[in-house]
N, C-alpha and C. Protein backbone atom coordinates (compact mmCIF):
# COMPACT_ATOMS: atom_id res chain seq x y z
N MET A 1 -214.94 42.57 102.70
CA MET A 1 -215.63 41.46 102.10
C MET A 1 -216.19 41.91 100.79
N GLU A 2 -215.58 41.21 99.51
CA GLU A 2 -216.10 41.58 98.26
C GLU A 2 -217.26 40.72 98.01
N PHE A 3 -218.47 41.35 97.84
CA PHE A 3 -219.61 40.56 97.56
C PHE A 3 -219.88 40.22 96.06
N LYS A 4 -219.37 40.82 95.11
CA LYS A 4 -219.53 40.66 93.86
C LYS A 4 -219.27 39.44 93.34
N GLU A 5 -218.57 38.47 93.88
CA GLU A 5 -218.22 37.12 93.44
C GLU A 5 -219.37 36.23 93.83
N ARG A 6 -220.06 36.62 95.02
CA ARG A 6 -221.02 35.81 95.44
C ARG A 6 -222.37 36.05 95.38
N ILE A 7 -222.70 37.35 95.11
CA ILE A 7 -224.18 37.83 94.96
C ILE A 7 -224.45 37.98 93.54
N VAL A 8 -225.44 37.60 92.97
CA VAL A 8 -225.93 37.69 91.52
C VAL A 8 -227.39 38.16 91.52
N CYS A 9 -227.75 38.84 90.51
CA CYS A 9 -228.92 39.14 90.22
C CYS A 9 -229.38 39.00 88.53
N GLN A 10 -230.07 37.89 88.49
CA GLN A 10 -230.46 37.13 87.27
C GLN A 10 -231.98 37.28 87.20
N PRO A 11 -232.54 37.85 86.13
CA PRO A 11 -234.04 38.04 85.73
C PRO A 11 -234.73 36.59 85.98
N ALA A 12 -234.21 35.68 85.48
CA ALA A 12 -234.71 34.32 85.58
C ALA A 12 -234.77 33.55 86.84
N ILE A 13 -234.03 34.02 87.87
CA ILE A 13 -234.01 33.56 89.28
C ILE A 13 -234.69 34.55 90.22
N LEU A 14 -235.79 34.33 90.77
CA LEU A 14 -236.51 34.98 91.51
C LEU A 14 -236.71 36.47 90.94
N GLY A 15 -237.09 36.64 90.01
CA GLY A 15 -237.22 37.77 89.31
C GLY A 15 -236.24 39.01 89.33
N GLY A 16 -234.99 38.36 89.38
CA GLY A 16 -233.91 39.28 89.44
C GLY A 16 -233.30 39.77 91.04
N LYS A 17 -234.03 39.20 91.94
CA LYS A 17 -233.69 39.67 93.26
C LYS A 17 -232.22 39.33 93.45
N PRO A 18 -231.50 39.89 94.33
CA PRO A 18 -230.17 39.53 94.56
C PRO A 18 -230.09 38.12 95.36
N THR A 19 -229.53 37.10 94.97
CA THR A 19 -229.45 35.75 95.56
C THR A 19 -227.90 35.41 95.61
N ILE A 20 -227.85 34.48 96.54
CA ILE A 20 -226.52 33.84 96.55
C ILE A 20 -226.13 33.03 95.30
N LYS A 21 -224.79 33.35 94.80
CA LYS A 21 -224.61 32.63 93.53
C LYS A 21 -224.69 31.04 93.70
N GLY A 22 -225.31 30.54 92.63
CA GLY A 22 -225.41 29.03 92.42
C GLY A 22 -226.58 28.35 93.50
N THR A 23 -227.27 29.34 94.11
CA THR A 23 -228.62 28.89 94.82
C THR A 23 -229.81 29.83 94.46
N ARG A 24 -230.71 29.49 95.03
CA ARG A 24 -231.92 30.26 94.90
C ARG A 24 -232.28 31.05 96.15
N ILE A 25 -231.17 31.02 96.97
CA ILE A 25 -231.36 31.88 98.32
C ILE A 25 -231.18 33.26 98.27
N PRO A 26 -232.08 34.10 98.53
CA PRO A 26 -232.02 35.56 98.34
C PRO A 26 -231.43 36.22 99.44
N VAL A 27 -230.78 37.08 99.19
CA VAL A 27 -229.84 37.88 99.98
C VAL A 27 -230.82 38.35 101.33
N GLU A 28 -232.10 38.78 100.77
CA GLU A 28 -233.04 39.24 101.74
C GLU A 28 -233.52 38.09 102.86
N LEU A 29 -233.43 36.88 102.49
CA LEU A 29 -233.60 35.84 103.51
C LEU A 29 -232.46 35.83 104.57
N VAL A 30 -231.35 35.80 103.99
CA VAL A 30 -230.16 35.72 104.82
C VAL A 30 -230.09 37.09 105.88
N LEU A 31 -230.46 38.11 105.53
CA LEU A 31 -230.58 39.25 106.34
C LEU A 31 -231.69 39.30 107.36
N LYS A 32 -232.72 38.79 106.76
CA LYS A 32 -234.00 38.58 107.62
C LYS A 32 -233.53 37.71 108.87
N LEU A 33 -232.95 36.49 108.42
CA LEU A 33 -232.50 35.49 109.64
C LEU A 33 -231.64 36.04 110.65
N LEU A 34 -230.65 36.87 110.10
CA LEU A 34 -229.73 37.59 110.99
C LEU A 34 -230.60 38.40 111.82
N ALA A 35 -231.32 39.29 111.33
CA ALA A 35 -232.05 40.30 112.12
C ALA A 35 -233.09 39.71 113.17
N GLN A 36 -233.37 38.41 112.90
CA GLN A 36 -234.20 37.60 113.74
C GLN A 36 -233.52 36.95 114.97
N GLY A 37 -232.06 37.13 114.71
CA GLY A 37 -231.26 36.67 115.85
C GLY A 37 -230.51 35.20 115.58
N ALA A 38 -230.83 34.82 114.34
CA ALA A 38 -230.03 33.60 113.97
C ALA A 38 -228.54 33.77 113.97
N THR A 39 -227.80 32.66 114.28
CA THR A 39 -226.31 32.72 114.33
C THR A 39 -225.90 32.20 112.87
N TYR A 40 -224.75 32.64 112.56
CA TYR A 40 -223.94 32.16 111.48
C TYR A 40 -223.98 30.63 111.37
N ASP A 41 -223.68 30.03 112.39
CA ASP A 41 -223.68 28.48 112.56
C ASP A 41 -225.13 28.09 112.38
N GLY A 42 -226.23 28.67 112.92
CA GLY A 42 -227.48 28.16 112.84
C GLY A 42 -227.99 28.34 111.23
N ILE A 43 -227.59 29.33 110.60
CA ILE A 43 -228.01 29.52 109.15
C ILE A 43 -227.33 28.41 108.34
N LEU A 44 -226.01 28.23 108.63
CA LEU A 44 -225.26 27.34 107.86
C LEU A 44 -225.74 25.83 108.00
N GLU A 45 -226.41 25.42 109.27
CA GLU A 45 -226.90 24.27 109.53
C GLU A 45 -228.12 24.16 108.79
N ASP A 46 -228.92 25.32 108.70
CA ASP A 46 -230.23 25.15 108.05
C ASP A 46 -230.29 25.17 106.53
N TYR A 47 -229.17 25.94 106.04
CA TYR A 47 -229.14 26.05 104.57
C TYR A 47 -227.78 25.41 104.10
N PRO A 48 -227.47 24.17 104.18
CA PRO A 48 -226.32 23.55 103.89
C PRO A 48 -225.39 23.98 102.55
N ASP A 49 -226.39 24.53 101.57
CA ASP A 49 -225.71 25.09 100.43
C ASP A 49 -225.01 26.38 100.65
N LEU A 50 -225.09 27.02 101.83
CA LEU A 50 -224.47 28.25 102.10
C LEU A 50 -223.04 28.06 102.75
N LYS A 51 -222.22 29.08 102.60
CA LYS A 51 -220.93 28.89 103.21
C LYS A 51 -220.83 30.30 104.10
N LEU A 52 -219.98 30.35 105.02
CA LEU A 52 -219.79 31.64 105.83
C LEU A 52 -219.52 32.76 104.97
N GLU A 53 -218.72 32.67 103.90
CA GLU A 53 -218.58 33.62 102.98
C GLU A 53 -219.64 34.24 102.11
N ASP A 54 -220.62 33.45 102.08
CA ASP A 54 -221.93 33.81 101.48
C ASP A 54 -222.64 34.85 102.44
N ILE A 55 -222.63 34.42 103.75
CA ILE A 55 -223.40 35.19 104.74
C ILE A 55 -222.75 36.67 104.85
N LEU A 56 -221.54 36.49 104.93
CA LEU A 56 -220.66 37.89 104.96
C LEU A 56 -220.80 38.60 103.64
N ALA A 57 -221.05 38.06 102.49
CA ALA A 57 -221.09 38.77 101.32
C ALA A 57 -222.51 39.34 101.32
N ALA A 58 -223.56 38.70 101.87
CA ALA A 58 -224.85 39.29 101.93
C ALA A 58 -224.94 40.35 102.84
N ILE A 59 -224.23 40.56 103.86
CA ILE A 59 -223.90 41.70 104.83
C ILE A 59 -223.25 42.73 104.01
N ALA A 60 -222.12 42.47 103.40
CA ALA A 60 -221.50 43.48 102.54
C ALA A 60 -222.21 44.09 101.61
N TYR A 61 -223.13 43.39 100.90
CA TYR A 61 -223.99 43.71 99.85
C TYR A 61 -225.02 44.87 100.42
N ALA A 62 -225.64 44.62 101.68
CA ALA A 62 -226.52 45.37 102.28
C ALA A 62 -225.80 46.53 102.59
N ARG A 63 -224.54 46.53 103.19
CA ARG A 63 -223.99 47.81 103.63
C ARG A 63 -223.57 48.71 102.34
N ASP A 64 -223.23 48.10 101.39
CA ASP A 64 -222.88 48.74 100.21
C ASP A 64 -224.23 49.47 99.56
N THR A 65 -225.21 48.85 99.66
CA THR A 65 -226.46 49.24 99.10
C THR A 65 -227.03 50.40 99.88
N VAL A 66 -226.89 50.32 101.17
CA VAL A 66 -227.43 51.44 102.18
C VAL A 66 -226.35 52.68 101.80
N VAL A 67 -225.30 52.53 101.84
CA VAL A 67 -224.23 53.49 101.62
C VAL A 67 -224.61 54.24 100.18
N ALA A 68 -224.86 53.47 99.25
CA ALA A 68 -225.13 54.08 97.89
C ALA A 68 -226.46 54.82 97.88
N GLU A 69 -227.29 54.24 98.54
CA GLU A 69 -228.68 54.88 98.66
C GLU A 69 -228.44 56.35 99.35
N GLU A 70 -227.72 56.27 100.54
CA GLU A 70 -227.50 57.47 101.43
C GLU A 70 -226.74 58.48 100.46
N VAL A 71 -225.85 58.13 99.87
CA VAL A 71 -225.02 58.90 98.96
C VAL A 71 -226.03 59.67 97.95
N GLY A 72 -226.79 58.66 97.32
CA GLY A 72 -227.87 59.18 96.16
C GLY A 72 -228.80 60.20 96.86
N HIS A 73 -229.21 60.00 98.03
CA HIS A 73 -230.22 60.77 98.79
C HIS A 73 -229.65 62.14 99.08
N LEU A 74 -228.39 62.08 99.51
CA LEU A 74 -227.68 63.48 99.85
C LEU A 74 -227.49 64.30 98.67
N HIS A 75 -227.18 63.56 97.44
CA HIS A 75 -227.07 64.46 96.38
C HIS A 75 -228.38 64.93 95.77
N ALA A 76 -229.42 64.11 96.07
CA ALA A 76 -230.70 64.60 95.52
C ALA A 76 -231.21 65.79 96.27
N VAL A 77 -230.99 65.77 97.55
CA VAL A 77 -231.37 66.91 98.45
C VAL A 77 -230.32 68.05 98.55
N GLY A 78 -229.26 67.91 97.81
CA GLY A 78 -228.23 69.09 97.71
C GLY A 78 -227.31 69.29 98.87
N VAL A 79 -227.02 68.16 99.40
CA VAL A 79 -226.12 68.31 100.73
C VAL A 79 -224.77 67.85 100.08
């Protein structure tokens, strides 16, 4: 899943936090809901502005962010 078309960071929206494009829904909220056990269908029902692709993009964004941080950390410690 390519998240770059669905996740944006704009200083005027939530202080630049990553959000779902065209909404004020932060990626953090989507991930928190999933971590709390919410289903895709439940999230889509509670947030009708979202699409399944938005949820998948939030997951992909988190994955890529974690991978980038791990690589950066490994370089910093000389691994």
